[in-house]
C-alpha atoms as a PDB file:
ATOM      1  CA  MET A   1    -128.398 -47.487-112.840  1.00  0.00           C
ATOM      2  CA  CYS A   2    -129.999 -44.200-113.181  1.00  0.00           C
ATOM      3  CA  LEU A   3    -131.417 -42.884-116.466  1.00  0.00           C
ATOM      4  CA  ALA A   4    -131.446 -39.117-116.787  1.00  0.00           C
ATOM      5  CA  VAL A   5    -134.370 -37.907-119.065  1.00  0.00           C
ATOM      6  CA  PRO A   6    -134.247 -34.304-120.500  1.00  0.00           C
ATOM      7  CA  GLY A   7    -137.163 -32.133-119.541  1.00  0.00           C
ATOM      8  CA  LEU A   8    -138.330 -28.863-121.009  1.00  0.00           C
ATOM      9  CA  VAL A   9    -138.355 -25.634-118.890  1.00  0.00           C
ATOM     10  CA  VAL A  10    -141.857 -24.141-119.447  1.00  0.00           C
ATOM     11  CA  SER A  11    -141.419 -21.252-116.907  1.00  0.00           C
ATOM     12  CA  VAL A  12    -138.992 -19.828-114.283  1.00  0.00           C
ATOM     13  CA  GLU A  13    -139.953 -17.760-111.258  1.00  0.00           C
ATOM     14  CA  ASN A  14    -137.889 -17.067-108.145  1.00  0.00           C
ATOM     15  CA  SER A  15    -135.186 -19.697-108.907  1.00  0.00           C
ATOM     16  CA  LYS A  16    -137.895 -22.406-109.413  1.00  0.00           C
ATOM     17  CA  ALA A  17    -138.354 -23.879-112.825  1.00  0.00           C
ATOM     18  CA  VAL A  18    -141.525 -25.769-113.971  1.00  0.00           C
ATOM     19  CA  VAL A  19    -140.151 -28.563-116.149  1.00  0.00           C
ATOM     20  CA  SER A  20    -142.419 -30.578-118.620  1.00  0.00           C
ATOM     21  CA  TYR A  21    -141.952 -34.200-119.279  1.00  0.00           C
ATOM     22  CA  GLY A  22    -144.764 -34.439-121.764  1.00  0.00           C
ATOM     23  CA  SER A  23    -147.953 -34.977-119.573  1.00  0.00           C
ATOM     24  CA  LYS A  24    -146.170 -34.595-116.303  1.00  0.00           C
ATOM     25  CA  THR A  25    -144.617 -31.455-114.817  1.00  0.00           C
ATOM     26  CA  VAL A  26    -142.252 -30.917-111.923  1.00  0.00           C
ATOM     27  CA  ILE A  27    -140.824 -28.076-110.113  1.00  0.00           C
ATOM     28  CA  ALA A  28    -137.014 -27.929-109.696  1.00  0.00           C
ATOM     29  CA  ASP A  29    -134.654 -25.396-107.987  1.00  0.00           C
ATOM     30  CA  CYS A  30    -132.520 -23.615-110.489  1.00  0.00           C
ATOM     31  CA  SER A  31    -130.439 -21.631-108.111  1.00  0.00           C
ATOM     32  CA  LEU A  32    -127.389 -23.820-108.723  1.00  0.00           C
ATOM     33  CA  MET A  33    -127.745 -23.958-112.544  1.00  0.00           C
ATOM     34  CA  PRO A  34    -129.702 -20.877-113.825  1.00  0.00           C
ATOM     35  CA  CYS A  35    -132.002 -21.754-116.736  1.00  0.00           C
ATOM     36  CA  LYS A  36    -134.692 -20.131-118.821  1.00  0.00           C
ATOM     37  CA  LYS A  37    -137.901 -20.970-120.551  1.00  0.00           C
ATOM     38  CA  GLY A  38    -137.164 -23.143-123.510  1.00  0.00           C
ATOM     39  CA  ASP A  39    -134.071 -24.904-121.988  1.00  0.00           C
ATOM     40  CA  PHE A  40    -133.804 -28.657-121.909  1.00  0.00           C
ATOM     41  CA  VAL A  41    -132.533 -29.699-118.495  1.00  0.00           C
ATOM     42  CA  ILE A  42    -131.415 -32.735-116.443  1.00  0.00           C
ATOM     43  CA  ILE A  43    -132.865 -32.629-112.820  1.00  0.00           C
ATOM     44  CA  ALA A  44    -131.515 -34.674-109.831  1.00  0.00           C
ATOM     45  CA  ASN A  45    -132.851 -34.572-106.354  1.00  0.00           C
ATOM     46  CA  GLY A  46    -135.100 -31.577-107.141  1.00  0.00           C
ATOM     47  CA  PHE A  47    -132.290 -29.570-108.570  1.00  0.00           C
ATOM     48  CA  VAL A  48    -131.504 -28.483-112.276  1.00  0.00           C
ATOM     49  CA  MET A  49    -128.013 -30.114-112.698  1.00  0.00           C
ATOM     50  CA  GLN A  50    -127.277 -29.612-116.281  1.00  0.00           C
ATOM     51  CA  ILE A  51    -128.668 -27.735-119.397  1.00  0.00           C
ATOM     52  CA  ILE A  52    -128.626 -29.841-122.396  1.00  0.00           C
ATOM     53  CA  PRO A  53    -128.297 -28.599-126.101  1.00  0.00           C
ATOM     54  CA  LYS A  54    -131.704 -28.744-127.750  1.00  0.00           C
ATOM     55  CA  GLN A  55    -130.590 -31.177-130.570  1.00  0.00           C
ATOM     56  CA  GLN A  56    -129.054 -33.577-128.002  1.00  0.00           C
ATOM     57  CA  ALA A  57    -132.241 -33.469-125.932  1.00  0.00           C
ATOM     58  CA  ILE A  58    -134.457 -34.119-128.970  1.00  0.00           C
ATOM     59  CA  LYS A  59    -132.143 -36.981-130.156  1.00  0.00           C
ATOM     60  CA  THR A  60    -132.215 -38.536-126.603  1.00  0.00           C
ATOM     61  CA  LEU A  61    -136.076 -38.207-126.312  1.00  0.00           C
ATOM     62  CA  GLU A  62    -136.488 -39.872-129.767  1.00  0.00           C
ATOM     63  CA  LEU A  63    -134.217 -42.805-128.799  1.00  0.00           C
ATOM     64  CA  LEU A  64    -136.251 -43.382-125.636  1.00  0.00           C
ATOM     65  CA  ARG A  65    -139.563 -43.221-127.554  1.00  0.00           C
ATOM     66  CA  GLN A  66    -138.044 -45.822-130.104  1.00  0.00           C
ATOM     67  CA  GLU A  67    -137.036 -48.064-127.084  1.00  0.00           C
ATOM     68  CA  GLN A  68    -140.534 -47.911-125.491  1.00  0.00           C
ATOM     69  CA  GLY A  69    -142.100 -48.906-128.712  1.00  0.00           C
ATOM     70  CA  SER A  70    -140.009 -52.048-129.135  1.00  0.00           C
END
């Protein structure tokens, strides 16, 4: 089973997005799904696959934090 965690795009340059997962950042190719700074995204195999609405991303991240705490 795979768990997709939303990440926050902190910058985009030349179809490469820097995506933050709290203390960790990754670089993802956004040529298939153009994104911009401030978007929440799902990454698979190094590519941005989906842009998630902010409220949905925040809710998902809150549920994951709650689960980690239990």
